Amino acid sequence: MTEKKQGLKDVLNIRVDEALSREIERIAQVEGLSASEAARKLLGHGVEVQRQVEASYLRLPYTLDRATTEGRVVVEASWKPYSQRELWEREREIEAFIDEAEEHTRR
């Protein structure tokens, strides 16, 4: 299923080394995306990881001094099929978006 492209309005120019550029191109090819779309997807994953890391700090005991305690970031990722309930919820969300769009066009 192809996702509808959201209205993109901001531009972020970043420089990447050759190895990272090749990896983005490889991922784009595997996923059937453009390099820009793959980079946006990967950047989004990175932001999600960073937010989870920040949230994990809040779950630490308040007596632990994060500034003086050594630690590491652990990333665990896997692909998981949707459950029947998740599929139903996604279908309901899509139907709601369609209904909203149709109502908007009638105005």
PDB file of N, CA and C in Angstrom:
ATOM      1  N   MET A   1       0.844  -1.173   0.000  1.00  0.00           N
ATOM      2  CA  MET A   1       0.000   0.000   0.000  1.00  0.00           C
ATOM      3  C   MET A   1       0.888   1.234   0.000  1.00  0.00           C
ATOM      4  N   THR A   2       0.667   2.137  -0.919  1.00  0.00           N
ATOM      5  CA  THR A   2       1.449   3.353  -1.016  1.00  0.00           C
ATOM      6  C   THR A   2       0.844   4.416  -0.120  1.00  0.00           C
ATOM      7  N   GLU A   3       1.681   5.016   0.721  1.00  0.00           N
ATOM      8  CA  GLU A   3       1.197   6.058   1.603  1.00  0.00           C
ATOM      9  C   GLU A   3       1.010   7.342   0.815  1.00  0.00           C
ATOM     10  N   LYS A   4      -0.028   8.082   1.163  1.00  0.00           N
ATOM     11  CA  LYS A   4      -0.250   9.374   0.536  1.00  0.00           C
ATOM     12  C   LYS A   4       0.825  10.333   1.039  1.00  0.00           C
ATOM     13  N   LYS A   5       1.481  11.028   0.110  1.00  0.00           N
ATOM     14  CA  LYS A   5       2.520  11.963   0.501  1.00  0.00           C
ATOM     15  C   LYS A   5       1.904  13.151   1.209  1.00  0.00           C
ATOM     16  N   GLN A   6       2.472  13.474   2.348  1.00  0.00           N
ATOM     17  CA  GLN A   6       2.002  14.638   3.080  1.00  0.00           C
ATOM     18  C   GLN A   6       2.579  15.877   2.413  1.00  0.00           C
ATOM     19  N   GLY A   7       1.915  16.996   2.600  1.00  0.00           N
ATOM     20  CA  GLY A   7       2.425  18.242   2.063  1.00  0.00           C
ATOM     21  C   GLY A   7       3.740  18.588   2.732  1.00  0.00           C
ATOM     22  N   LEU A   8       4.813  18.471   1.990  1.00  0.00           N
ATOM     23  CA  LEU A   8       6.136  18.770   2.540  1.00  0.00           C
ATOM     24  C   LEU A   8       6.450  20.228   2.262  1.00  0.00           C
ATOM     25  N   LYS A   9       6.870  20.949   3.290  1.00  0.00           N
ATOM     26  CA  LYS A   9       7.125  22.364   3.092  1.00  0.00           C
ATOM     27  C   LYS A   9       8.483  22.810   3.598  1.00  0.00           C
ATOM     28  N   ASP A  10       9.126  22.059   4.457  1.00  0.00           N
ATOM     29  CA  ASP A  10      10.427  22.439   4.974  1.00  0.00           C
ATOM     30  C   ASP A  10      11.528  21.672   4.259  1.00  0.00           C
ATOM     31  N   VAL A  11      12.670  22.317   4.129  1.00  0.00           N
ATOM     32  CA  VAL A  11      13.815  21.702   3.467  1.00  0.00           C
ATOM     33  C   VAL A  11      14.972  21.656   4.454  1.00  0.00           C
ATOM     34  N   LEU A  12      15.613  20.511   4.526  1.00  0.00           N
ATOM     35  CA  LEU A  12      16.779  20.341   5.383  1.00  0.00           C
ATOM     36  C   LEU A  12      17.892  19.763   4.521  1.00  0.00           C
ATOM     37  N   ASN A  13      18.924  20.526   4.316  1.00  0.00           N
ATOM     38  CA  ASN A  13      20.069  20.029   3.547  1.00  0.00           C
ATOM     39  C   ASN A  13      21.103  19.483   4.517  1.00  0.00           C
ATOM     40  N   ILE A  14      21.479  18.243   4.327  1.00  0.00           N
ATOM     41  CA  ILE A  14      22.502  17.640   5.183  1.00  0.00           C
ATOM     42  C   ILE A  14      23.565  17.014   4.296  1.00  0.00           C
ATOM     43  N   ARG A  15      24.766  17.009   4.795  1.00  0.00           N
ATOM     44  CA  ARG A  15      25.866  16.362   4.086  1.00  0.00           C
ATOM     45  C   ARG A  15      26.087  14.989   4.724  1.00  0.00           C
ATOM     46  N   VAL A  16      26.211  13.984   3.892  1.00  0.00           N
ATOM     47  CA  VAL A  16      26.461  12.629   4.387  1.00  0.00           C
ATOM     48  C   VAL A  16      27.702  12.087   3.695  1.00  0.00           C
ATOM     49  N   ASP A  17      28.373  11.176   4.377  1.00  0.00           N
ATOM     50  CA  ASP A  17      29.554  10.588   3.748  1.00  0.00           C
ATOM     51  C   ASP A  17      29.119   9.587   2.677  1.00  0.00           C
ATOM     52  N   GLU A  18      30.073   9.150   1.903  1.00  0.00           N
ATOM     53  CA  GLU A  18      29.777   8.274   0.769  1.00  0.00           C
ATOM     54  C   GLU A  18      29.159   6.951   1.194  1.00  0.00           C
ATOM     55  N   ALA A  19      29.638   6.393   2.298  1.00  0.00           N
ATOM     56  CA  ALA A  19      29.104   5.105   2.763  1.00  0.00           C
ATOM     57  C   ALA A  19      27.638   5.235   3.169  1.00  0.00           C
ATOM     58  N   LEU A  20      27.284   6.306   3.864  1.00  0.00           N
ATOM     59  CA  LEU A  20      25.898   6.510   4.269  1.00  0.00           C
ATOM     60  C   LEU A  20      25.015   6.766   3.048  1.00  0.00           C
ATOM     61  N   SER A  21      25.518   7.510   2.096  1.00  0.00           N
ATOM     62  CA  SER A  21      24.767   7.766   0.864  1.00  0.00           C
ATOM     63  C   SER A  21      24.463   6.463   0.128  1.00  0.00           C
ATOM     64  N   ARG A  22      25.458   5.587   0.037  1.00  0.00           N
ATOM     65  CA  ARG A  22      25.251   4.293  -0.615  1.00  0.00           C
ATOM     66  C   ARG A  22      24.215   3.461   0.137  1.00  0.00           C
ATOM     67  N   GLU A  23      24.267   3.509   1.469  1.00  0.00           N
ATOM     68  CA  GLU A  23      23.321   2.727   2.266  1.00  0.00           C
ATOM     69  C   GLU A  23      21.900   3.268   2.105  1.00  0.00           C
ATOM     70  N   ILE A  24      21.749   4.571   2.050  1.00  0.00           N
ATOM     71  CA  ILE A  24      20.423   5.156   1.822  1.00  0.00           C
ATOM     72  C   ILE A  24      19.910   4.741   0.449  1.00  0.00           C
ATOM     73  N   GLU A  25      20.758   4.780  -0.558  1.00  0.00           N
ATOM     74  CA  GLU A  25      20.368   4.355  -1.905  1.00  0.00           C
ATOM     75  C   GLU A  25      19.961   2.882  -1.911  1.00  0.00           C
ATOM     76  N   ARG A  26      20.708   2.045  -1.192  1.00  0.00           N
ATOM     77  CA  ARG A  26      20.398   0.619  -1.128  1.00  0.00           C
ATOM     78  C   ARG A  26      19.038   0.395  -0.477  1.00  0.00           C
ATOM     79  N   ILE A  27      18.809   1.068   0.633  1.00  0.00           N
ATOM     80  CA  ILE A  27      17.537   0.932   1.339  1.00  0.00           C
ATOM     81  C   ILE A  27      16.397   1.437   0.462  1.00  0.00           C
ATOM     82  N   ALA A  28      16.622   2.547  -0.217  1.00  0.00           N
ATOM     83  CA  ALA A  28      15.600   3.098  -1.108  1.00  0.00           C
ATOM     84  C   ALA A  28      15.224   2.083  -2.186  1.00  0.00           C
ATOM     85  N   GLN A  29      16.215   1.438  -2.756  1.00  0.00           N
ATOM     86  CA  GLN A  29      15.958   0.452  -3.808  1.00  0.00           C
ATOM     87  C   GLN A  29      15.171  -0.733  -3.251  1.00  0.00           C
ATOM     88  N   VAL A  30      15.567  -1.228  -2.090  1.00  0.00           N
ATOM     89  CA  VAL A  30      14.879  -2.371  -1.477  1.00  0.00           C
ATOM     90  C   VAL A  30      13.427  -2.018  -1.151  1.00  0.00           C
ATOM     91  N   GLU A  31      13.207  -0.808  -0.653  1.00  0.00           N
ATOM     92  CA  GLU A  31      11.871  -0.372  -0.242  1.00  0.00           C
ATOM     93  C   GLU A  31      11.035   0.185  -1.391  1.00  0.00           C
ATOM     94  N   GLY A  32      11.651   0.361  -2.568  1.00  0.00           N
ATOM     95  CA  GLY A  32      10.929   0.923  -3.702  1.00  0.00           C
ATOM     96  C   GLY A  32      10.623   2.405  -3.524  1.00  0.00           C
ATOM     97  N   LEU A  33      11.554   3.114  -2.909  1.00  0.00           N
ATOM     98  CA  LEU A  33      11.386   4.540  -2.635  1.00  0.00           C
ATOM     99  C   LEU A  33      12.475   5.341  -3.335  1.00  0.00           C
ATOM    100  N   SER A  34      12.277   6.636  -3.393  1.00  0.00           N
ATOM    101  CA  SER A  34      13.369   7.500  -3.844  1.00  0.00           C
ATOM    102  C   SER A  34      14.347   7.637  -2.674  1.00  0.00           C
ATOM    103  N   ALA A  35      15.550   8.086  -2.967  1.00  0.00           N
ATOM    104  CA  ALA A  35      16.539   8.284  -1.901  1.00  0.00           C
ATOM    105  C   ALA A  35      16.028   9.297  -0.883  1.00  0.00           C
ATOM    106  N   SER A  36      15.346  10.346  -1.346  1.00  0.00           N
ATOM    107  CA  SER A  36      14.811  11.363  -0.433  1.00  0.00           C
ATOM    108  C   SER A  36      13.756  10.768   0.488  1.00  0.00           C
ATOM    109  N   GLU A  37      12.858   9.954  -0.086  1.00  0.00           N
ATOM    110  CA  GLU A  37      11.811   9.332   0.727  1.00  0.00           C
ATOM    111  C   GLU A  37      12.426   8.378   1.749  1.00  0.00           C
ATOM    112  N   ALA A  38      13.423   7.615   1.330  1.00  0.00           N
ATOM    113  CA  ALA A  38      14.088   6.693   2.255  1.00  0.00           C
ATOM    114  C   ALA A  38      14.794   7.465   3.365  1.00  0.00           C
ATOM    115  N   ALA A  39      15.460   8.552   3.010  1.00  0.00           N
ATOM    116  CA  ALA A  39      16.166   9.361   4.012  1.00  0.00           C
ATOM    117  C   ALA A  39      15.174   9.954   5.007  1.00  0.00           C
ATOM    118  N   ARG A  40      14.008  10.431   4.525  1.00  0.00           N
ATOM    119  CA  ARG A  40      12.980  10.965   5.434  1.00  0.00           C
ATOM    120  C   ARG A  40      12.495   9.874   6.395  1.00  0.00           C
ATOM    121  N   LYS A  41      12.278   8.682   5.843  1.00  0.00           N
ATOM    122  CA  LYS A  41      11.815   7.564   6.674  1.00  0.00           C
ATOM    123  C   LYS A  41      12.862   7.222   7.738  1.00  0.00           C
ATOM    124  N   LEU A  42      14.116   7.136   7.325  1.00  0.00           N
ATOM    125  CA  LEU A  42      15.194   6.805   8.258  1.00  0.00           C
ATOM    126  C   LEU A  42      15.393   7.895   9.307  1.00  0.00           C
ATOM    127  N   LEU A  43      15.288   9.146   8.896  1.00  0.00           N
ATOM    128  CA  LEU A  43      15.407  10.248   9.837  1.00  0.00           C
ATOM    129  C   LEU A  43      14.272  10.186  10.860  1.00  0.00           C
ATOM    130  N   GLY A  44      13.079   9.863  10.398  1.00  0.00           N
ATOM    131  CA  GLY A  44      11.948   9.701  11.313  1.00  0.00           C
ATOM    132  C   GLY A  44      12.184   8.600  12.334  1.00  0.00           C
ATOM    133  N   HIS A  45      12.766   7.487  11.872  1.00  0.00           N
ATOM    134  CA  HIS A  45      13.091   6.398  12.811  1.00  0.00           C
ATOM    135  C   HIS A  45      14.101   6.883  13.846  1.00  0.00           C
ATOM    136  N   GLY A  46      15.080   7.640  13.399  1.00  0.00           N
ATOM    137  CA  GLY A  46      16.100   8.158  14.321  1.00  0.00           C
ATOM    138  C   GLY A  46      15.508   9.092  15.361  1.00  0.00           C
ATOM    139  N   VAL A  47      14.580   9.931  14.940  1.00  0.00           N
ATOM    140  CA  VAL A  47      13.916  10.843  15.876  1.00  0.00           C
ATOM    141  C   VAL A  47      13.112  10.039  16.894  1.00  0.00           C
ATOM    142  N   GLU A  48      12.419   9.009  16.416  1.00  0.00           N
ATOM    143  CA  GLU A  48      11.648   8.168  17.329  1.00  0.00           C
ATOM    144  C   GLU A  48      12.551   7.506  18.366  1.00  0.00           C
ATOM    145  N   VAL A  49      13.702   7.013  17.933  1.00  0.00           N
ATOM    146  CA  VAL A  49      14.654   6.389  18.861  1.00  0.00           C
ATOM    147  C   VAL A  49      15.117   7.418  19.889  1.00  0.00           C
ATOM    148  N   GLN A  50      15.482   8.620  19.441  1.00  0.00           N
ATOM    149  CA  GLN A  50      15.955   9.654  20.360  1.00  0.00           C
ATOM    150  C   GLN A  50      14.894   9.999  21.397  1.00  0.00           C
ATOM    151  N   ARG A  51      13.645  10.098  20.967  1.00  0.00           N
ATOM    152  CA  ARG A  51      12.565  10.419  21.908  1.00  0.00           C
ATOM    153  C   ARG A  51      12.394   9.293  22.934  1.00  0.00           C
ATOM    154  N   GLN A  52      12.537   8.045  22.485  1.00  0.00           N
ATOM    155  CA  GLN A  52      12.429   6.926  23.416  1.00  0.00           C
ATOM    156  C   GLN A  52      13.586   6.925  24.410  1.00  0.00           C
ATOM    157  N   VAL A  53      14.775   7.301  23.940  1.00  0.00           N
ATOM    158  CA  VAL A  53      15.931   7.400  24.840  1.00  0.00           C
ATOM    159  C   VAL A  53      15.661   8.466  25.899  1.00  0.00           C
ATOM    160  N   GLU A  54      15.179   9.627  25.463  1.00  0.00           N
ATOM    161  CA  GLU A  54      14.875  10.698  26.410  1.00  0.00           C
ATOM    162  C   GLU A  54      13.818  10.262  27.415  1.00  0.00           C
ATOM    163  N   ALA A  55      12.798   9.540  26.945  1.00  0.00           N
ATOM    164  CA  ALA A  55      11.750   9.054  27.853  1.00  0.00           C
ATOM    165  C   ALA A  55      12.320   8.036  28.839  1.00  0.00           C
ATOM    166  N   SER A  56      13.288   7.238  28.392  1.00  0.00           N
ATOM    167  CA  SER A  56      13.863   6.230  29.284  1.00  0.00           C
ATOM    168  C   SER A  56      14.610   6.877  30.446  1.00  0.00           C
ATOM    169  N   TYR A  57      15.156   8.078  30.233  1.00  0.00           N
ATOM    170  CA  TYR A  57      15.825   8.789  31.328  1.00  0.00           C
ATOM    171  C   TYR A  57      14.840   9.078  32.461  1.00  0.00           C
ATOM    172  N   LEU A  58      13.604   9.360  32.106  1.00  0.00           N
ATOM    173  CA  LEU A  58      12.597   9.677  33.111  1.00  0.00           C
ATOM    174  C   LEU A  58      12.201   8.458  33.944  1.00  0.00           C
ATOM    175  N   ARG A  59      12.469   7.270  33.403  1.00  0.00           N
ATOM    176  CA  ARG A  59      12.129   6.047  34.133  1.00  0.00           C
ATOM    177  C   ARG A  59      13.257   5.594  35.065  1.00  0.00           C
ATOM    178  N   LEU A  60      14.380   6.301  35.025  1.00  0.00           N
ATOM    179  CA  LEU A  60      15.491   5.947  35.904  1.00  0.00           C
ATOM    180  C   LEU A  60      15.168   6.365  37.332  1.00  0.00           C
ATOM    181  N   PRO A  61      15.753   5.684  38.310  1.00  0.00           N
ATOM    182  CA  PRO A  61      15.541   6.123  39.703  1.00  0.00           C
ATOM    183  C   PRO A  61      16.053   7.556  39.875  1.00  0.00           C
ATOM    184  N   TYR A  62      15.329   8.354  40.624  1.00  0.00           N
ATOM    185  CA  TYR A  62      15.725   9.742  40.784  1.00  0.00           C
ATOM    186  C   TYR A  62      17.066   9.882  41.495  1.00  0.00           C
ATOM    187  N   THR A  63      17.491   8.837  42.214  1.00  0.00           N
ATOM    188  CA  THR A  63      18.774   8.889  42.921  1.00  0.00           C
ATOM    189  C   THR A  63      19.959   8.667  41.985  1.00  0.00           C
ATOM    190  N   LEU A  64      19.701   8.221  40.774  1.00  0.00           N
ATOM    191  CA  LEU A  64      20.768   7.958  39.814  1.00  0.00           C
ATOM    192  C   LEU A  64      21.153   9.256  39.117  1.00  0.00           C
ATOM    193  N   ASP A  65      22.424   9.597  39.158  1.00  0.00           N
ATOM    194  CA  ASP A  65      22.908  10.804  38.480  1.00  0.00           C
ATOM    195  C   ASP A  65      23.286  10.435  37.052  1.00  0.00           C
ATOM    196  N   ARG A  66      22.441  10.823  36.116  1.00  0.00           N
ATOM    197  CA  ARG A  66      22.660  10.466  34.712  1.00  0.00           C
ATOM    198  C   ARG A  66      23.967  11.042  34.178  1.00  0.00           C
ATOM    199  N   ALA A  67      24.367  12.190  34.688  1.00  0.00           N
ATOM    200  CA  ALA A  67      25.592  12.839  34.199  1.00  0.00           C
ATOM    201  C   ALA A  67      26.842  12.055  34.561  1.00  0.00           C
ATOM    202  N   THR A  68      26.803  11.295  35.647  1.00  0.00           N
ATOM    203  CA  THR A  68      27.997  10.561  36.075  1.00  0.00           C
ATOM    204  C   THR A  68      27.875   9.056  35.898  1.00  0.00           C
ATOM    205  N   THR A  69      26.734   8.586  35.415  1.00  0.00           N
ATOM    206  CA  THR A  69      26.514   7.155  35.219  1.00  0.00           C
ATOM    207  C   THR A  69      26.751   6.796  33.764  1.00  0.00           C
ATOM    208  N   GLU A  70      27.613   5.809  33.551  1.00  0.00           N
ATOM    209  CA  GLU A  70      27.871   5.371  32.181  1.00  0.00           C
ATOM    210  C   GLU A  70      26.767   4.435  31.712  1.00  0.00           C
ATOM    211  N   GLY A  71      26.459   4.518  30.432  1.00  0.00           N
ATOM    212  CA  GLY A  71      25.426   3.669  29.872  1.00  0.00           C
ATOM    213  C   GLY A  71      25.521   3.667  28.361  1.00  0.00           C
ATOM    214  N   ARG A  72      24.574   3.051  27.712  1.00  0.00           N
ATOM    215  CA  ARG A  72      24.579   2.970  26.259  1.00  0.00           C
ATOM    216  C   ARG A  72      23.142   2.949  25.754  1.00  0.00           C
ATOM    217  N   VAL A  73      22.969   3.271  24.506  1.00  0.00           N
ATOM    218  CA  VAL A  73      21.661   3.204  23.863  1.00  0.00           C
ATOM    219  C   VAL A  73      21.533   1.827  23.221  1.00  0.00           C
ATOM    220  N   VAL A  74      20.422   1.157  23.490  1.00  0.00           N
ATOM    221  CA  VAL A  74      20.151  -0.149  22.906  1.00  0.00           C
ATOM    222  C   VAL A  74      18.948   0.019  21.978  1.00  0.00           C
ATOM    223  N   VAL A  75      19.134  -0.340  20.712  1.00  0.00           N
ATOM    224  CA  VAL A  75      18.056  -0.231  19.726  1.00  0.00           C
ATOM    225  C   VAL A  75      17.628  -1.641  19.346  1.00  0.00           C
ATOM    226  N   GLU A  76      16.338  -1.904  19.497  1.00  0.00           N
ATOM    227  CA  GLU A  76      15.786  -3.192  19.094  1.00  0.00           C
ATOM    228  C   GLU A  76      14.662  -2.925  18.108  1.00  0.00           C
ATOM    229  N   ALA A  77      14.751  -3.509  16.947  1.00  0.00           N
ATOM    230  CA  ALA A  77      13.718  -3.295  15.934  1.00  0.00           C
ATOM    231  C   ALA A  77      13.382  -4.623  15.277  1.00  0.00           C
ATOM    232  N   SER A  78      12.119  -4.770  14.926  1.00  0.00           N
ATOM    233  CA  SER A  78      11.694  -5.977  14.217  1.00  0.00           C
ATOM    234  C   SER A  78      10.441  -5.634  13.429  1.00  0.00           C
ATOM    235  N   TRP A  79      10.149  -6.452  12.452  1.00  0.00           N
ATOM    236  CA  TRP A  79       8.921  -6.295  11.679  1.00  0.00           C
ATOM    237  C   TRP A  79       7.900  -7.220  12.286  1.00  0.00           C
ATOM    238  N   LYS A  80       6.703  -6.710  12.460  1.00  0.00           N
ATOM    239  CA  LYS A  80       5.653  -7.499  13.093  1.00  0.00           C
ATOM    240  C   LYS A  80       4.359  -7.274  12.319  1.00  0.00           C
ATOM    241  N   PRO A  81       3.689  -8.343  11.915  1.00  0.00           N
ATOM    242  CA  PRO A  81       2.417  -8.157  11.204  1.00  0.00           C
ATOM    243  C   PRO A  81       1.366  -7.573  12.142  1.00  0.00           C
ATOM    244  N   TYR A  82       0.413  -6.840  11.548  1.00  0.00           N
ATOM    245  CA  TYR A  82      -0.675  -6.273  12.337  1.00  0.00           C
ATOM    246  C   TYR A  82      -1.584  -7.383  12.846  1.00  0.00           C
ATOM    247  N   SER A  83      -2.106  -7.180  14.036  1.00  0.00           N
ATOM    248  CA  SER A  83      -3.135  -8.086  14.556  1.00  0.00           C
ATOM    249  C   SER A  83      -4.460  -7.745  13.858  1.00  0.00           C
ATOM    250  N   GLN A  84      -5.443  -8.603  13.994  1.00  0.00           N
ATOM    251  CA  GLN A  84      -6.751  -8.330  13.409  1.00  0.00           C
ATOM    252  C   GLN A  84      -7.329  -7.027  13.966  1.00  0.00           C
ATOM    253  N   ARG A  85      -7.147  -6.792  15.246  1.00  0.00           N
ATOM    254  CA  ARG A  85      -7.655  -5.562  15.866  1.00  0.00           C
ATOM    255  C   ARG A  85      -6.952  -4.343  15.274  1.00  0.00           C
ATOM    256  N   GLU A  86      -5.635  -4.423  15.116  1.00  0.00           N
ATOM    257  CA  GLU A  86      -4.890  -3.296  14.542  1.00  0.00           C
ATOM    258  C   GLU A  86      -5.334  -3.025  13.103  1.00  0.00           C
ATOM    259  N   LEU A  87      -5.564  -4.084  12.344  1.00  0.00           N
ATOM    260  CA  LEU A  87      -6.052  -3.911  10.972  1.00  0.00           C
ATOM    261  C   LEU A  87      -7.419  -3.242  10.961  1.00  0.00           C
ATOM    262  N   TRP A  88      -8.282  -3.650  11.856  1.00  0.00           N
ATOM    263  CA  TRP A  88      -9.608  -3.062  11.948  1.00  0.00           C
ATOM    264  C   TRP A  88      -9.501  -1.578  12.307  1.00  0.00           C
ATOM    265  N   GLU A  89      -8.630  -1.254  13.285  1.00  0.00           N
ATOM    266  CA  GLU A  89      -8.456   0.141  13.698  1.00  0.00           C
ATOM    267  C   GLU A  89      -7.900   0.991  12.557  1.00  0.00           C
ATOM    268  N   ARG A  90      -6.943   0.455  11.804  1.00  0.00           N
ATOM    269  CA  ARG A  90      -6.390   1.180  10.663  1.00  0.00           C
ATOM    270  C   ARG A  90      -7.467   1.419   9.606  1.00  0.00           C
ATOM    271  N   GLU A  91      -8.276   0.403   9.363  1.00  0.00           N
ATOM    272  CA  GLU A  91      -9.350   0.539   8.375  1.00  0.00           C
ATOM    273  C   GLU A  91     -10.332   1.625   8.798  1.00  0.00           C
ATOM    274  N   ARG A  92     -10.672   1.657  10.084  1.00  0.00           N
ATOM    275  CA  ARG A  92     -11.588   2.683  10.604  1.00  0.00           C
ATOM    276  C   ARG A  92     -10.975   4.085  10.449  1.00  0.00           C
ATOM    277  N   GLU A  93      -9.678   4.214  10.708  1.00  0.00           N
ATOM    278  CA  GLU A  93      -9.013   5.513  10.554  1.00  0.00           C
ATOM    279  C   GLU A  93      -9.038   5.965   9.095  1.00  0.00           C
ATOM    280  N   ILE A  94      -8.761   5.043   8.189  1.00  0.00           N
ATOM    281  CA  ILE A  94      -8.769   5.369   6.756  1.00  0.00           C
ATOM    282  C   ILE A  94     -10.168   5.782   6.323  1.00  0.00           C
ATOM    283  N   GLU A  95     -11.176   5.043   6.769  1.00  0.00           N
ATOM    284  CA  GLU A  95     -12.553   5.396   6.433  1.00  0.00           C
ATOM    285  C   GLU A  95     -12.913   6.779   6.960  1.00  0.00           C
ATOM    286  N   ALA A  96     -12.449   7.102   8.167  1.00  0.00           N
ATOM    287  CA  ALA A  96     -12.724   8.422   8.751  1.00  0.00           C
ATOM    288  C   ALA A  96     -12.053   9.518   7.928  1.00  0.00           C
ATOM    289  N   PHE A  97     -10.815   9.284   7.473  1.00  0.00           N
ATOM    290  CA  PHE A  97     -10.118  10.264   6.631  1.00  0.00           C
ATOM    291  C   PHE A  97     -10.855  10.464   5.317  1.00  0.00           C
ATOM    292  N   ILE A  98     -11.313   9.362   4.720  1.00  0.00           N
ATOM    293  CA  ILE A  98     -12.052   9.446   3.451  1.00  0.00           C
ATOM    294  C   ILE A  98     -13.349  10.226   3.649  1.00  0.00           C
ATOM    295  N   ASP A  99     -14.072   9.905   4.718  1.00  0.00           N
ATOM    296  CA  ASP A  99     -15.320  10.619   5.003  1.00  0.00           C
ATOM    297  C   ASP A  99     -15.069  12.108   5.203  1.00  0.00           C
ATOM    298  N   GLU A 100     -14.013  12.430   5.923  1.00  0.00           N
ATOM    299  CA  GLU A 100     -13.663  13.833   6.168  1.00  0.00           C
ATOM    300  C   GLU A 100     -13.299  14.542   4.878  1.00  0.00           C
ATOM    301  N   ALA A 101     -12.535  13.874   4.015  1.00  0.00           N
ATOM    302  CA  ALA A 101     -12.146  14.466   2.733  1.00  0.00           C
ATOM    303  C   ALA A 101     -13.364  14.682   1.845  1.00  0.00           C
ATOM    304  N   GLU A 102     -14.258  13.701   1.808  1.00  0.00           N
ATOM    305  CA  GLU A 102     -15.481  13.836   1.006  1.00  0.00           C
ATOM    306  C   GLU A 102     -16.361  14.965   1.510  1.00  0.00           C
ATOM    307  N   GLU A 103     -16.471  15.082   2.828  1.00  0.00           N
ATOM    308  CA  GLU A 103     -17.259  16.166   3.410  1.00  0.00           C
ATOM    309  C   GLU A 103     -16.636  17.527   3.090  1.00  0.00           C
ATOM    310  N   HIS A 104     -15.317  17.577   3.125  1.00  0.00           N
ATOM    311  CA  HIS A 104     -14.605  18.825   2.834  1.00  0.00           C
ATOM    312  C   HIS A 104     -14.812  19.254   1.373  1.00  0.00           C
ATOM    313  N   THR A 105     -14.843  18.280   0.456  1.00  0.00           N
ATOM    314  CA  THR A 105     -15.011  18.611  -0.967  1.00  0.00           C
ATOM    315  C   THR A 105     -16.439  19.049  -1.276  1.00  0.00           C
ATOM    316  N   ARG A 106     -17.399  18.637  -0.445  1.00  0.00           N
ATOM    317  CA  ARG A 106     -18.797  19.027  -0.648  1.00  0.00           C
ATOM    318  C   ARG A 106     -19.060  20.481  -0.257  1.00  0.00           C
ATOM    319  N   ARG A 107     -18.181  21.033   0.563  1.00  0.00           N
ATOM    320  CA  ARG A 107     -18.378  22.397   1.059  1.00  0.00           C
ATOM    321  C   ARG A 107     -18.102  23.424   0.000  1.00  0.00           C
TER     322      ARG A 107
END
